[in-house]
Structure formats: structure tokens, C-alpha cells
Protein backbone atom coordinates (compact mmCIF):
# COMPACT_ATOMS: atom_id res chain seq x y z
CA MET A 1 -31.57 -22.42 -146.19
CA GLU A 2 -33.45 -22.05 -142.69
CA PHE A 3 -31.45 -21.14 -139.93
CA ALA A 4 -32.67 -22.78 -136.10
CA PRO A 5 -34.16 -19.12 -134.33
CA ASP A 6 -32.24 -19.81 -131.05
CA ILE A 7 -29.28 -19.79 -132.45
CA PRO A 8 -27.57 -16.51 -133.77
CA ARG A 9 -26.87 -17.64 -137.68
CA TRP A 10 -23.53 -16.72 -137.54
CA ARG A 11 -23.04 -18.94 -135.21
CA GLN A 12 -24.69 -21.11 -137.36
CA VAL A 13 -22.81 -20.48 -141.14
CA ALA A 14 -19.56 -21.03 -139.09
CA GLU A 15 -20.32 -25.29 -137.66
CA ILE A 16 -21.99 -25.05 -141.24
CA ILE A 17 -17.68 -24.11 -142.05
CA ARG A 18 -16.63 -25.25 -139.11
CA ARG A 19 -18.15 -29.11 -140.62
CA ARG A 20 -16.66 -28.71 -143.91
CA ILE A 21 -13.11 -27.82 -143.43
CA ALA A 22 -13.24 -31.00 -141.13
CA ASP A 23 -14.73 -33.39 -144.05
CA GLY A 24 -12.02 -32.35 -146.49
CA THR A 25 -14.53 -29.86 -148.68
CA TYR A 26 -12.39 -27.02 -147.52
CA ALA A 27 -8.64 -28.53 -147.92
CA PRO A 28 -5.41 -27.20 -146.00
CA ARG A 29 -4.31 -24.17 -148.08
CA SER A 30 -7.24 -23.32 -150.24
CA ARG A 31 -10.09 -20.59 -150.23
CA VAL A 32 -13.14 -20.32 -147.94
CA PRO A 33 -16.03 -18.35 -149.41
CA SER A 34 -15.80 -14.77 -149.46
CA VAL A 35 -17.46 -11.97 -147.79
CA VAL A 36 -19.52 -11.39 -150.82
CA GLN A 37 -19.59 -15.95 -151.05
CA LEU A 38 -21.21 -16.25 -147.65
CA THR A 39 -23.77 -13.55 -147.89
CA SER A 40 -25.35 -15.01 -151.26
CA GLU A 41 -25.22 -18.74 -150.16
CA PHE A 42 -26.71 -17.98 -146.83
CA GLY A 43 -28.68 -15.06 -147.34
CA ILE A 44 -26.88 -13.21 -144.34
CA ALA A 45 -25.71 -9.84 -143.93
CA ASN A 46 -22.45 -9.09 -144.89
CA ALA A 47 -21.83 -7.46 -141.07
CA THR A 48 -22.23 -11.09 -140.25
CA ALA A 49 -20.87 -12.88 -142.45
CA HIS A 50 -17.59 -10.65 -141.37
CA LYS A 51 -18.95 -12.32 -137.73
CA VAL A 52 -18.23 -15.84 -139.53
CA LEU A 53 -14.52 -15.37 -141.30
CA ARG A 54 -13.31 -13.38 -137.57
CA ALA A 55 -14.66 -16.67 -135.65
CA LEU A 56 -13.25 -19.21 -137.86
CA ARG A 57 -9.96 -16.81 -137.83
CA GLU A 58 -10.10 -16.34 -133.92
CA GLU A 59 -9.96 -20.43 -134.20
CA GLY A 60 -7.06 -20.95 -136.27
CA LEU A 61 -9.35 -22.89 -138.82
CA THR A 62 -8.89 -19.96 -141.38
CA TYR A 63 -5.96 -17.40 -141.98
CA THR A 64 -6.41 -14.32 -144.09
CA GLU A 65 -3.83 -13.42 -146.54
CA PRO A 66 -4.64 -9.33 -147.41
CA GLY A 67 -5.45 -8.91 -150.72
CA LEU A 68 -6.44 -12.14 -151.83
CA GLY A 69 -9.17 -13.97 -148.55
CA SER A 70 -8.98 -16.54 -146.21
CA PHE A 71 -7.82 -19.81 -146.32
CA VAL A 72 -8.21 -23.11 -144.22
CA ALA A 73 -4.94 -23.02 -141.80
CA LYS A 74 -3.04 -26.65 -141.87
CA ARG A 75 -3.92 -29.39 -139.57
CA PRO A 76 -2.19 -29.28 -136.51
CA ALA A 77 -0.40 -33.19 -137.72
CA GLU A 78 0.94 -31.85 -140.50
CA ASP A 79 2.90 -29.59 -138.91
CA GLY A 80 4.48 -31.68 -137.63
CA ASP A 81 4.34 -34.92 -140.58
CA ALA A 82 7.51 -36.73 -140.14
CA SER A 83 7.67 -37.97 -144.33
CA GLU A 84 8.07 -34.46 -145.01
């Protein structure tokens, strides 16, 4: 993968994962790539991958289950879904 030189890599990778969440590639409650998977897929350092996952978590897009990994958070519309 080729990165834009003027944008930090972690931001670019986070944007890719955001798009995958938005388009349903990663559905709510499904696992997002681990640090190892991110480093392998994007050729980034472990610290960069951790920064990606932290940013997504801080944005409320993902949550982390210790020992299990990071998962896509439920979308706001799902919380108040009247059909449940």
C-alpha cells in the first residue's frame, strides 16, 4: 500500500478501517483487525497499529474486550431500535 506523505500513516489506516465499518465490511460486534493483522496488511509498526485502534476506540467506533480483541461498536440507531 502506498501512503500519502503529508498525512500520518495512523490517520490513513484509521480512515480505511472507518470506511470498512461504515460500508459494513466490519459489522457491529464483529472483530476488527488486530495489531498483528494491521502491521501485516498495511506494513506499519506495532506502535502505529496501536494508535489506529486507540483512535477508533476513542471515537466510539470500536470497543476492546481484554484478551479477546477489538470489536465494532453498535451503531447509535441500533441502541434505540424499536423493533427489538
